[in-house]
Amino acid sequence: HGGVEGKGRHEKTLLYGALGFTAIAAAIGVYKAKSDGPRIDIAPVSLIDSSKGVASAEVPVRLTASDGTGLKLVSLRAEAAVEDPLALTELHLTFENPEDRVLEGTFSITLPQGASLSRFAMKVGNAWQEGEVVEKQAARQAYEDFLHRKQDPALMEQGAGNQFSARVFPIPARGTKEIIVTYAEAIEVGASYVLPLRGLPQLGSLDVNVHVAGTTASAAGGKTDALFGLHQQRFTPAGDFIVDGKQIPRSPGLRNGELAIARVIPFASSRPEPVGSAVILVDTSASRGLGIREQVKTLEAIIAKLPGETTISVACFDQEVVPVFNGKAAAFAQKGGASIIAHGALGASDFEQAIGWAREQAQAMKAKRVIFVTDGVPTAGETDGQKLRTKVEALRDVGVQRMDAIAIGGIRDDGFLRTVVRGVLDRDGVVLDAKLGADALARRLGEATSSGVEVKVEGAKWSWPEKLDGLQAGDEVLVYAELEGSAPVKIDIGGQRFAPDLRTIDRPLVERAWAQAKIQSLVEAPKESPAATKQQIIALSTRHRVLSPHTALLVLETDRDYQRFNIDRNAKVD
C-alpha cells in the first residue's frame, strides 16, 4: 500500500486487481467433507457465481516465491490440544517447488484473534531446526548475513494484526520445504474450536487430530480426552474444521503452581442504550476486496435490526471518503448496500481522514454514535492508534458520545480498534466480531458499557487486567494471576467477588498464556520508560518463547551459527 497511496483511486486498479485471483482456488473442486465421526463439523463455503463476483475467501496459510509464484501446499497435518479455556495447535506444512530453480519465498499465516505464536521450525536436510525468539533487529541482521552466505535461514515476524510472515530460503528446485508452526489461543465460553482451512486449494493429504480434555467418561469413573479427526487424500477443504462448542467441557479456569487463569462473567443484567442516530463508515480498502459482499451483507442485516426511524449516514472509506447513504435505517436496504458494492474496494485505509469526516457529518446530522465496519488495519494517514485518539477526542466537541467497531475479515487488528474506541469519549465503545451474527451485533450495539471497573486478585504478586473498559452484560473476562504459592484464587471485579475452582494441568500451556498476558500488559499499560518496557517485553518473549512486537523467530542452519550471534538456545520447546 505504501507505494501507491499518492495515486488516484482508478490508477490503483491494475495494482490491486490481482487480489481477486487468490479467491479462485477456494472455489475450485469443492468437496463434501467426510468425517471419522458425527462430532466433526465442516462449515460451508460459497462458490464462484458469475453474476455475483468472486467468493470471499482469505487463504489462511501460503508460501509465495519472491517473483510471485505460489508454491503448492501438498500436505497439512494438524495436532491440537484443547484444555478449556486454552487451546494449542501445531501445524506441519509441506510445500512443493515446481520450478527448476532455487527460490526464496515468503511464508504467511493468519492466526485466530488473540493467538500467540510459540514455535517456528524448518526442515534443513534431514533434521528439524528450531527457531529461536530473538530481538527483532538482531534477528534481521543475522538473517541477511546468512542469506548472503546462501545458507538456510528463516525469519518469522508479526505483520498486520493477526498475520505472521516469514522469509524462507532456500526452497530447493523441484523439491519440498517443510515448516512447523505452533500457536496458543483462548476460547470463549460456548465458542467452538476452529482450525482455519477455508480458502486452501486442493491438498495432497490432510490430517487433523484435535484432543479435547475431559470429554468422555473412563471405565474408572474419571474423564478422558476425546479425539476429533479428519483424514483425507486429494482434498479441497470446503470450510474450516470445527469442533462444536457443545463438545468442549467448560471449566472456570486453569492453574499450575503459582500461575492461574480464571474465567469470570462480571455482569449479567442487560442495560439498553439504543442507537438513535449514527455515522457508519465501511472499510473499502484493497484488503477488503475479497470480503466486500460478505461485509455488505453483514451491514445490511445489522441496519435491518435497528428501529426503522433511526437516522444513519453511511460512507465508504479507503484513501478517501465517499458518502453512499443518508436517511432512515428502513430505507437503506433499497440501495445502500448496492452503492457500496458499486463503489468497490481499492486503495489504502486512512482512518485519520475517516474520523475527520465522521466529525463533520455527525455535527451536520447531530449524531450521537459513530460505527466502523473494518478490519482495523490502517495503511495511510496516521497509523498509530494512540495518536489517533486525539482525532477521536474531537468527536466529543460535536456531541458524539460513543464509537464502536465491527471487526470483519481474516486478517485484522482488534487491538488497534480497541485503542481508538475506548478511553476517549464519554462512553467507551465495543469491538465486535462480525461472526457473531446480525442479531447479536445489533443487540450489543444497543447495549450500554461500563468502564474503569477495577479487577483485584487477593494476594497476587501480579495480575491482569487491572481494570476493564467497554464491559457489557454477559462479557467473559479471563483474569491472569501470579500468586503466592498455592493460595486459593479470589477475585474482586467492581465489588463482586469470585472464587473459581480452577483445574490443574501441566505447566507449559498455562505458563505461555501467562507470559503472553504479561507482555500484553506491558504493551497496553507500561509503567516504566519506553526503553525499559521494551527490554522487559524482549526478556519475557525470549524466556518463554512467545513472539512479541519487539521479537522475531529466527531459524539458522546449525548450533554454531546461533553461537556466532550470541543467541541463547536454552528455551524449551514443550
Foldseek 3Di string as FASTA:
>chain_A
DVVPLVDDFVVCCVVLVCVLVLQQLLAPPADDFDWPDPQKDFDFFDHADVVPGGAFWDAFKFKAFPVGRTWAFAEWAKEKEPDPQKIKIKIKTKTWAAAQAWTKIKIKGFDPAPKWWFWKWKDDPNDIFTWFKDFAVLQVVLQVVVVVVQFWKKWWADDFARMIMMITDTAHGRGMIIMMIMIMDGHDQQAKDKDWQRSHHFYQKYKYWYWAAQQDADPVGGGGTDITMGIDGRHNRSHIIIRGSVRHDHAQWEDDWQKTKGKDFDFADFAFAAFQEEEEEEEQASQCQSPLLVLLVLVLLQLVPHPQQRWYWYWYFASAIGTQDTGTSVCCVVCVSVSSVVVHHYHFGAVLRVLVVRLVVCLVVVGQEYEYEEQAQGDDDDRQLQVSLVSLLSSVVSRHAFYEYAHDDSRGHVPSRQSNGPDRGNAGYYYHHSVVGSVVVNRRNRTGFDWQWAKDKPQFPDKPDGIDGRRTNPDMDMMITRHDTPDFTWMATNNDIDGGDHHYDDDLSSLLVNLSRVLVCLVPPNDDDPVVSLVVNSVSCSQNSTHDNRIMTMTGDDPVSCVVSPHDPPHDDD
